[in-house]
PDB file of N, CA and C in Angstrom:
ATOM      1  N   MET A   1     143.374 -10.239 -68.928  1.00  0.00           N
ATOM      2  CA  MET A   1     144.620 -10.112 -69.691  1.00  0.00           C
ATOM      3  C   MET A   1     145.262  -8.606 -69.217  1.00  0.00           C
ATOM      4  N   ILE A   2     146.489  -8.757 -69.105  1.00  0.00           N
ATOM      5  CA  ILE A   2     147.304  -7.407 -68.319  1.00  0.00           C
ATOM      6  C   ILE A   2     148.099  -6.791 -69.628  1.00  0.00           C
ATOM      7  N   ALA A   3     147.609  -5.735 -69.819  1.00  0.00           N
ATOM      8  CA  ALA A   3     148.356  -4.918 -70.908  1.00  0.00           C
ATOM      9  C   ALA A   3     149.444  -4.588 -70.692  1.00  0.00           C
ATOM     10  N   ARG A   4     150.634  -4.738 -71.435  1.00  0.00           N
ATOM     11  CA  ARG A   4     152.309  -4.493 -70.830  1.00  0.00           C
ATOM     12  C   ARG A   4     152.449  -3.187 -71.924  1.00  0.00           C
ATOM     13  N   SER A   5     153.013  -2.287 -71.058  1.00  0.00           N
ATOM     14  CA  SER A   5     153.867  -1.278 -72.011  1.00  0.00           C
ATOM     15  C   SER A   5     155.071  -1.470 -71.863  1.00  0.00           C
ATOM     16  N   LEU A   6     155.802  -1.216 -73.357  1.00  0.00           N
ATOM     17  CA  LEU A   6     157.073  -1.205 -73.374  1.00  0.00           C
ATOM     18  C   LEU A   6     157.865   0.194 -73.242  1.00  0.00           C
ATOM     19  N   ARG A   7     158.520   0.364 -72.102  1.00  0.00           N
ATOM     20  CA  ARG A   7     158.846   1.686 -71.757  1.00  0.00           C
ATOM     21  C   ARG A   7     160.655   1.270 -71.272  1.00  0.00           C
ATOM     22  N   LEU A   8     161.525   2.243 -71.924  1.00  0.00           N
ATOM     23  CA  LEU A   8     162.832   2.332 -71.331  1.00  0.00           C
ATOM     24  C   LEU A   8     162.960   3.085 -70.736  1.00  0.00           C
ATOM     25  N   PHE A   9     163.760   3.358 -69.965  1.00  0.00           N
ATOM     26  CA  PHE A   9     163.988   4.436 -68.638  1.00  0.00           C
ATOM     27  C   PHE A   9     165.723   4.544 -68.769  1.00  0.00           C
ATOM     28  N   ILE A  10     165.886   5.989 -69.074  1.00  0.00           N
ATOM     29  CA  ILE A  10     167.320   6.013 -69.467  1.00  0.00           C
ATOM     30  C   ILE A  10     167.770   7.349 -68.675  1.00  0.00           C
ATOM     31  N   PRO A  11     168.410   7.333 -67.389  1.00  0.00           N
ATOM     32  CA  PRO A  11     168.904   8.276 -66.681  1.00  0.00           C
ATOM     33  C   PRO A  11     170.105   8.906 -67.622  1.00  0.00           C
ATOM     34  N   MET A  12     170.180  10.417 -67.491  1.00  0.00           N
ATOM     35  CA  MET A  12     170.963  10.906 -68.456  1.00  0.00           C
ATOM     36  C   MET A  12     171.608  12.148 -67.360  1.00  0.00           C
ATOM     37  N   HIS A  13     172.991  12.389 -67.456  1.00  0.00           N
ATOM     38  CA  HIS A  13     173.795  13.268 -66.828  1.00  0.00           C
ATOM     39  C   HIS A  13     173.841  14.539 -67.484  1.00  0.00           C
ATOM     40  N   ASP A  14     173.721  15.799 -67.086  1.00  0.00           N
ATOM     41  CA  ASP A  14     173.803  17.058 -67.767  1.00  0.00           C
ATOM     42  C   ASP A  14     175.325  17.386 -67.553  1.00  0.00           C
ATOM     43  N   ASN A  15     175.685  18.322 -68.388  1.00  0.00           N
ATOM     44  CA  ASN A  15     177.110  19.145 -68.359  1.00  0.00           C
ATOM     45  C   ASN A  15     177.131  20.128 -67.035  1.00  0.00           C
ATOM     46  N   PHE A  16     175.802  20.478 -66.449  1.00  0.00           N
ATOM     47  CA  PHE A  16     175.612  21.025 -65.427  1.00  0.00           C
ATOM     48  C   PHE A  16     175.810  20.485 -64.099  1.00  0.00           C
ATOM     49  N   PRO A  17     176.933  20.805 -63.354  1.00  0.00           N
ATOM     50  CA  PRO A  17     177.696  19.727 -62.652  1.00  0.00           C
ATOM     51  C   PRO A  17     176.438  19.089 -61.544  1.00  0.00           C
ATOM     52  N   GLY A  18     176.861  17.710 -61.444  1.00  0.00           N
ATOM     53  CA  GLY A  18     176.188  16.806 -60.741  1.00  0.00           C
ATOM     54  C   GLY A  18     174.418  16.760 -60.973  1.00  0.00           C
ATOM     55  N   HIS A  19     174.176  17.018 -61.897  1.00  0.00           N
ATOM     56  CA  HIS A  19     172.800  16.975 -62.265  1.00  0.00           C
ATOM     57  C   HIS A  19     172.249  15.969 -63.087  1.00  0.00           C
ATOM     58  N   TRP A  20     171.184  15.179 -62.875  1.00  0.00           N
ATOM     59  CA  TRP A  20     170.680  13.810 -63.643  1.00  0.00           C
ATOM     60  C   TRP A  20     169.403  14.217 -64.022  1.00  0.00           C
ATOM     61  N   TYR A  21     168.560  13.627 -65.075  1.00  0.00           N
ATOM     62  CA  TYR A  21     167.344  13.779 -65.245  1.00  0.00           C
ATOM     63  C   TYR A  21     167.210  12.658 -66.238  1.00  0.00           C
ATOM     64  N   LEU A  22     165.836  12.134 -66.234  1.00  0.00           N
ATOM     65  CA  LEU A  22     165.320  10.906 -66.684  1.00  0.00           C
ATOM     66  C   LEU A  22     164.461  11.093 -67.890  1.00  0.00           C
ATOM     67  N   CYS A  23     164.896  10.256 -68.988  1.00  0.00           N
ATOM     68  CA  CYS A  23     164.285  10.357 -70.147  1.00  0.00           C
ATOM     69  C   CYS A  23     163.531   8.675 -70.151  1.00  0.00           C
ATOM     70  N   ILE A  24     162.121   8.628 -70.296  1.00  0.00           N
ATOM     71  CA  ILE A  24     161.304   7.561 -70.430  1.00  0.00           C
ATOM     72  C   ILE A  24     160.844   7.599 -71.929  1.00  0.00           C
ATOM     73  N   ILE A  25     161.416   6.320 -72.605  1.00  0.00           N
ATOM     74  CA  ILE A  25     160.892   6.212 -73.903  1.00  0.00           C
ATOM     75  C   ILE A  25     159.618   5.134 -74.039  1.00  0.00           C
ATOM     76  N   ASP A  26     158.426   5.267 -74.489  1.00  0.00           N
ATOM     77  CA  ASP A  26     157.223   4.597 -74.381  1.00  0.00           C
ATOM     78  C   ASP A  26     157.109   3.832 -75.687  1.00  0.00           C
ATOM     79  N   PHE A  27     157.484   2.843 -76.150  1.00  0.00           N
ATOM     80  CA  PHE A  27     157.652   2.366 -77.150  1.00  0.00           C
ATOM     81  C   PHE A  27     156.300   2.215 -78.001  1.00  0.00           C
ATOM     82  N   LYS A  28     155.485   1.480 -77.066  1.00  0.00           N
ATOM     83  CA  LYS A  28     153.996   1.157 -77.232  1.00  0.00           C
ATOM     84  C   LYS A  28     153.318   2.147 -77.725  1.00  0.00           C
ATOM     85  N   ASN A  29     153.308   3.389 -77.067  1.00  0.00           N
ATOM     86  CA  ASN A  29     152.518   4.644 -77.393  1.00  0.00           C
ATOM     87  C   ASN A  29     153.234   5.764 -78.116  1.00  0.00           C
ATOM     88  N   CYS A  30     154.239   5.476 -78.473  1.00  0.00           N
ATOM     89  CA  CYS A  30     155.409   6.143 -79.344  1.00  0.00           C
ATOM     90  C   CYS A  30     155.348   7.636 -78.477  1.00  0.00           C
ATOM     91  N   HIS A  31     155.662   8.042 -77.186  1.00  0.00           N
ATOM     92  CA  HIS A  31     155.585   8.828 -76.733  1.00  0.00           C
ATOM     93  C   HIS A  31     157.465   9.261 -75.613  1.00  0.00           C
ATOM     94  N   ILE A  32     157.684  10.228 -75.847  1.00  0.00           N
ATOM     95  CA  ILE A  32     159.141  10.027 -74.855  1.00  0.00           C
ATOM     96  C   ILE A  32     158.774  11.376 -73.930  1.00  0.00           C
ATOM     97  N   GLN A  33     158.949  10.997 -72.681  1.00  0.00           N
ATOM     98  CA  GLN A  33     158.959  12.136 -71.679  1.00  0.00           C
ATOM     99  C   GLN A  33     160.279  12.428 -70.785  1.00  0.00           C
ATOM    100  N   ILE A  34     160.376  13.490 -70.378  1.00  0.00           N
ATOM    101  CA  ILE A  34     161.532  14.283 -69.912  1.00  0.00           C
ATOM    102  C   ILE A  34     161.378  14.497 -68.305  1.00  0.00           C
ATOM    103  N   LEU A  35     161.673  13.960 -67.362  1.00  0.00           N
ATOM    104  CA  LEU A  35     161.252  14.347 -65.984  1.00  0.00           C
ATOM    105  C   LEU A  35     162.736  14.998 -65.317  1.00  0.00           C
ATOM    106  N   ASP A  36     162.321  15.832 -64.623  1.00  0.00           N
ATOM    107  CA  ASP A  36     163.612  16.900 -64.536  1.00  0.00           C
ATOM    108  C   ASP A  36     163.151  17.774 -63.158  1.00  0.00           C
ATOM    109  N   SER A  37     163.896  17.475 -62.174  1.00  0.00           N
ATOM    110  CA  SER A  37     163.434  18.380 -60.870  1.00  0.00           C
ATOM    111  C   SER A  37     163.951  19.721 -61.109  1.00  0.00           C
ATOM    112  N   LEU A  38     165.028  20.142 -61.859  1.00  0.00           N
ATOM    113  CA  LEU A  38     165.444  21.394 -61.965  1.00  0.00           C
ATOM    114  C   LEU A  38     165.056  21.844 -63.175  1.00  0.00           C
ATOM    115  N   GLN A  39     163.822  22.579 -63.347  1.00  0.00           N
ATOM    116  CA  GLN A  39     163.177  23.027 -64.687  1.00  0.00           C
ATOM    117  C   GLN A  39     163.984  24.334 -65.021  1.00  0.00           C
ATOM    118  N   LEU A  40     164.979  24.171 -65.969  1.00  0.00           N
ATOM    119  CA  LEU A  40     165.451  25.467 -66.405  1.00  0.00           C
ATOM    120  C   LEU A  40     165.043  25.881 -67.593  1.00  0.00           C
ATOM    121  N   ARG A  41     164.464  26.620 -67.971  1.00  0.00           N
ATOM    122  CA  ARG A  41     164.199  27.328 -69.522  1.00  0.00           C
ATOM    123  C   ARG A  41     165.508  27.040 -70.742  1.00  0.00           C
ATOM    124  N   SER A  42     166.545  27.751 -69.688  1.00  0.00           N
ATOM    125  CA  SER A  42     168.058  27.857 -70.337  1.00  0.00           C
ATOM    126  C   SER A  42     168.245  26.779 -70.802  1.00  0.00           C
ATOM    127  N   ARG A  43     168.203  25.475 -70.151  1.00  0.00           N
ATOM    128  CA  ARG A  43     168.646  24.050 -70.646  1.00  0.00           C
ATOM    129  C   ARG A  43     168.073  23.248 -71.390  1.00  0.00           C
ATOM    130  N   ASP A  44     166.651  23.488 -71.565  1.00  0.00           N
ATOM    131  CA  ASP A  44     165.493  22.863 -72.624  1.00  0.00           C
ATOM    132  C   ASP A  44     166.282  22.615 -73.876  1.00  0.00           C
ATOM    133  N   GLU A  45     166.920  23.514 -74.709  1.00  0.00           N
ATOM    134  CA  GLU A  45     167.803  22.970 -75.998  1.00  0.00           C
ATOM    135  C   GLU A  45     168.489  21.902 -75.779  1.00  0.00           C
ATOM    136  N   PHE A  46     169.506  22.182 -74.638  1.00  0.00           N
ATOM    137  CA  PHE A  46     170.432  20.693 -74.399  1.00  0.00           C
ATOM    138  C   PHE A  46     169.721  19.902 -74.135  1.00  0.00           C
ATOM    139  N   TRP A  47     168.682  19.671 -73.196  1.00  0.00           N
ATOM    140  CA  TRP A  47     168.393  18.392 -72.833  1.00  0.00           C
ATOM    141  C   TRP A  47     167.337  17.635 -74.296  1.00  0.00           C
ATOM    142  N   PHE A  48     167.056  18.674 -74.844  1.00  0.00           N
ATOM    143  CA  PHE A  48     165.875  18.220 -76.068  1.00  0.00           C
ATOM    144  C   PHE A  48     166.850  17.364 -77.029  1.00  0.00           C
ATOM    145  N   LYS A  49     168.334  18.256 -77.509  1.00  0.00           N
ATOM    146  CA  LYS A  49     169.352  17.703 -78.381  1.00  0.00           C
ATOM    147  C   LYS A  49     169.645  16.289 -77.885  1.00  0.00           C
ATOM    148  N   SER A  50     170.219  16.128 -76.486  1.00  0.00           N
ATOM    149  CA  SER A  50     170.681  14.951 -75.862  1.00  0.00           C
ATOM    150  C   SER A  50     169.485  13.982 -76.178  1.00  0.00           C
ATOM    151  N   VAL A  51     168.412  14.212 -75.728  1.00  0.00           N
ATOM    152  CA  VAL A  51     167.291  13.119 -75.618  1.00  0.00           C
ATOM    153  C   VAL A  51     167.335  12.709 -77.143  1.00  0.00           C
ATOM    154  N   LYS A  52     167.296  13.581 -78.073  1.00  0.00           N
ATOM    155  CA  LYS A  52     167.196  13.256 -79.357  1.00  0.00           C
ATOM    156  C   LYS A  52     168.098  12.305 -79.943  1.00  0.00           C
ATOM    157  N   ILE A  53     169.433  12.745 -79.712  1.00  0.00           N
ATOM    158  CA  ILE A  53     170.535  11.715 -79.898  1.00  0.00           C
ATOM    159  C   ILE A  53     170.016  10.305 -79.448  1.00  0.00           C
ATOM    160  N   VAL A  54     169.812  10.246 -78.205  1.00  0.00           N
ATOM    161  CA  VAL A  54     169.704   8.780 -77.505  1.00  0.00           C
ATOM    162  C   VAL A  54     168.495   8.252 -78.334  1.00  0.00           C
ATOM    163  N   VAL A  55     167.356   8.644 -78.527  1.00  0.00           N
ATOM    164  CA  VAL A  55     166.278   8.139 -78.930  1.00  0.00           C
ATOM    165  C   VAL A  55     166.442   7.705 -80.459  1.00  0.00           C
ATOM    166  N   GLU A  56     167.378   8.571 -81.389  1.00  0.00           N
ATOM    167  CA  GLU A  56     167.597   8.165 -82.740  1.00  0.00           C
ATOM    168  C   GLU A  56     168.734   7.012 -82.657  1.00  0.00           C
ATOM    169  N   PHE A  57     169.517   6.737 -81.497  1.00  0.00           N
ATOM    170  CA  PHE A  57     170.385   5.506 -81.471  1.00  0.00           C
ATOM    171  C   PHE A  57     169.606   4.482 -81.160  1.00  0.00           C
ATOM    172  N   CYS A  58     168.477   4.488 -80.031  1.00  0.00           N
ATOM    173  CA  CYS A  58     167.650   3.441 -79.813  1.00  0.00           C
ATOM    174  C   CYS A  58     166.832   2.962 -80.863  1.00  0.00           C
ATOM    175  N   GLN A  59     166.568   3.942 -81.885  1.00  0.00           N
ATOM    176  CA  GLN A  59     165.659   3.597 -83.044  1.00  0.00           C
ATOM    177  C   GLN A  59     166.626   2.503 -84.001  1.00  0.00           C
ATOM    178  N   THR A  60     168.007   3.237 -84.406  1.00  0.00           N
ATOM    179  CA  THR A  60     168.851   2.569 -85.096  1.00  0.00           C
ATOM    180  C   THR A  60     169.087   1.120 -84.430  1.00  0.00           C
ATOM    181  N   PHE A  61     169.238   1.145 -83.060  1.00  0.00           N
ATOM    182  CA  PHE A  61     169.672  -0.168 -82.375  1.00  0.00           C
ATOM    183  C   PHE A  61     168.642  -1.084 -82.509  1.00  0.00           C
ATOM    184  N   PHE A  62     167.380  -0.796 -82.050  1.00  0.00           N
ATOM    185  CA  PHE A  62     166.336  -2.043 -82.282  1.00  0.00           C
ATOM    186  C   PHE A  62     166.096  -2.212 -83.370  1.00  0.00           C
ATOM    187  N   LYS A  63     166.295  -1.566 -84.933  1.00  0.00           N
ATOM    188  CA  LYS A  63     166.431  -1.926 -85.938  1.00  0.00           C
ATOM    189  C   LYS A  63     167.110  -2.872 -86.620  1.00  0.00           C
ATOM    190  N   LEU A  64     168.418  -2.964 -85.891  1.00  0.00           N
ATOM    191  CA  LEU A  64     169.441  -3.734 -86.280  1.00  0.00           C
ATOM    192  C   LEU A  64     169.306  -5.137 -85.358  1.00  0.00           C
ATOM    193  N   TYR A  65     168.549  -5.214 -84.323  1.00  0.00           N
ATOM    194  CA  TYR A  65     168.168  -6.417 -83.649  1.00  0.00           C
ATOM    195  C   TYR A  65     167.074  -6.838 -83.346  1.00  0.00           C
TER     196      TYR A  65
END
Protein backbone atom coordinates (compact mmCIF):
# COMPACT_ATOMS: atom_id res chain seq x y z
CA MET A 1 0.00 0.00 0.00
CA ILE A 2 1.30 3.44 -0.93
CA ALA A 3 0.99 6.15 1.71
CA ARG A 4 -0.35 9.29 0.11
CA SER A 5 0.51 12.71 1.35
CA LEU A 6 -1.96 15.53 0.91
CA ARG A 7 0.07 18.61 0.07
CA LEU A 8 -0.86 21.92 -1.45
CA PHE A 9 1.93 23.84 -3.22
CA ILE A 10 1.27 27.57 -3.38
CA PRO A 11 3.63 29.92 -5.25
CA MET A 12 3.57 33.28 -3.52
CA HIS A 13 4.76 36.68 -4.74
CA ASP A 14 6.52 39.13 -2.47
CA ASN A 15 6.30 42.89 -2.90
CA PHE A 16 10.10 42.72 -3.17
CA PRO A 17 10.47 43.25 -6.95
CA GLY A 18 10.19 40.02 -8.91
CA HIS A 19 10.58 37.73 -5.91
CA TRP A 20 8.62 34.49 -5.50
CA TYR A 21 8.67 31.89 -2.76
CA LEU A 22 6.82 28.65 -2.18
CA CYS A 23 4.43 27.73 0.60
CA ILE A 24 3.77 24.01 1.05
CA ILE A 25 0.86 22.97 3.25
CA ASP A 26 0.99 19.33 4.30
CA PHE A 27 -2.53 18.51 5.47
CA LYS A 28 -1.74 14.95 6.51
CA ASN A 29 1.04 15.93 8.93
CA CYS A 30 -0.29 19.42 9.79
CA HIS A 31 2.95 21.02 8.64
CA ILE A 32 3.66 24.25 6.76
CA GLN A 33 6.92 24.82 4.94
CA ILE A 34 8.22 27.98 3.30
CA LEU A 35 10.87 27.54 0.63
CA ASP A 36 12.74 30.69 -0.31
CA SER A 37 16.04 31.17 -2.10
CA LEU A 38 16.30 34.74 -0.79
CA GLN A 39 16.63 34.29 2.95
CA LEU A 40 16.41 37.75 4.43
CA ARG A 41 15.55 37.99 8.13
CA SER A 42 14.06 41.41 7.46
CA ARG A 43 11.38 39.77 5.26
CA ASP A 44 10.42 36.97 7.69
CA GLU A 45 7.56 38.84 9.34
CA PHE A 46 6.03 39.77 5.97
CA TRP A 47 6.31 36.17 4.69
CA PHE A 48 4.84 34.67 7.86
CA LYS A 49 1.88 37.08 7.78
CA SER A 50 1.26 36.33 4.09
CA VAL A 51 1.43 32.58 4.61
CA LYS A 52 -0.85 32.82 7.66
CA ILE A 53 -3.50 34.58 5.57
CA VAL A 54 -3.31 31.89 2.88
CA VAL A 55 -3.43 29.03 5.40
CA GLU A 56 -6.44 30.55 7.18
CA PHE A 57 -8.18 30.96 3.85
CA CYS A 58 -7.47 27.31 2.97
CA GLN A 59 -8.87 26.17 6.31
CA THR A 60 -12.06 28.13 5.73
CA PHE A 61 -12.34 27.03 2.10
CA PHE A 62 -11.92 23.31 2.86
CA LYS A 63 -14.37 23.46 5.76
CA LEU A 64 -16.99 24.90 3.41
CA TYR A 65 -16.40 22.26 0.74
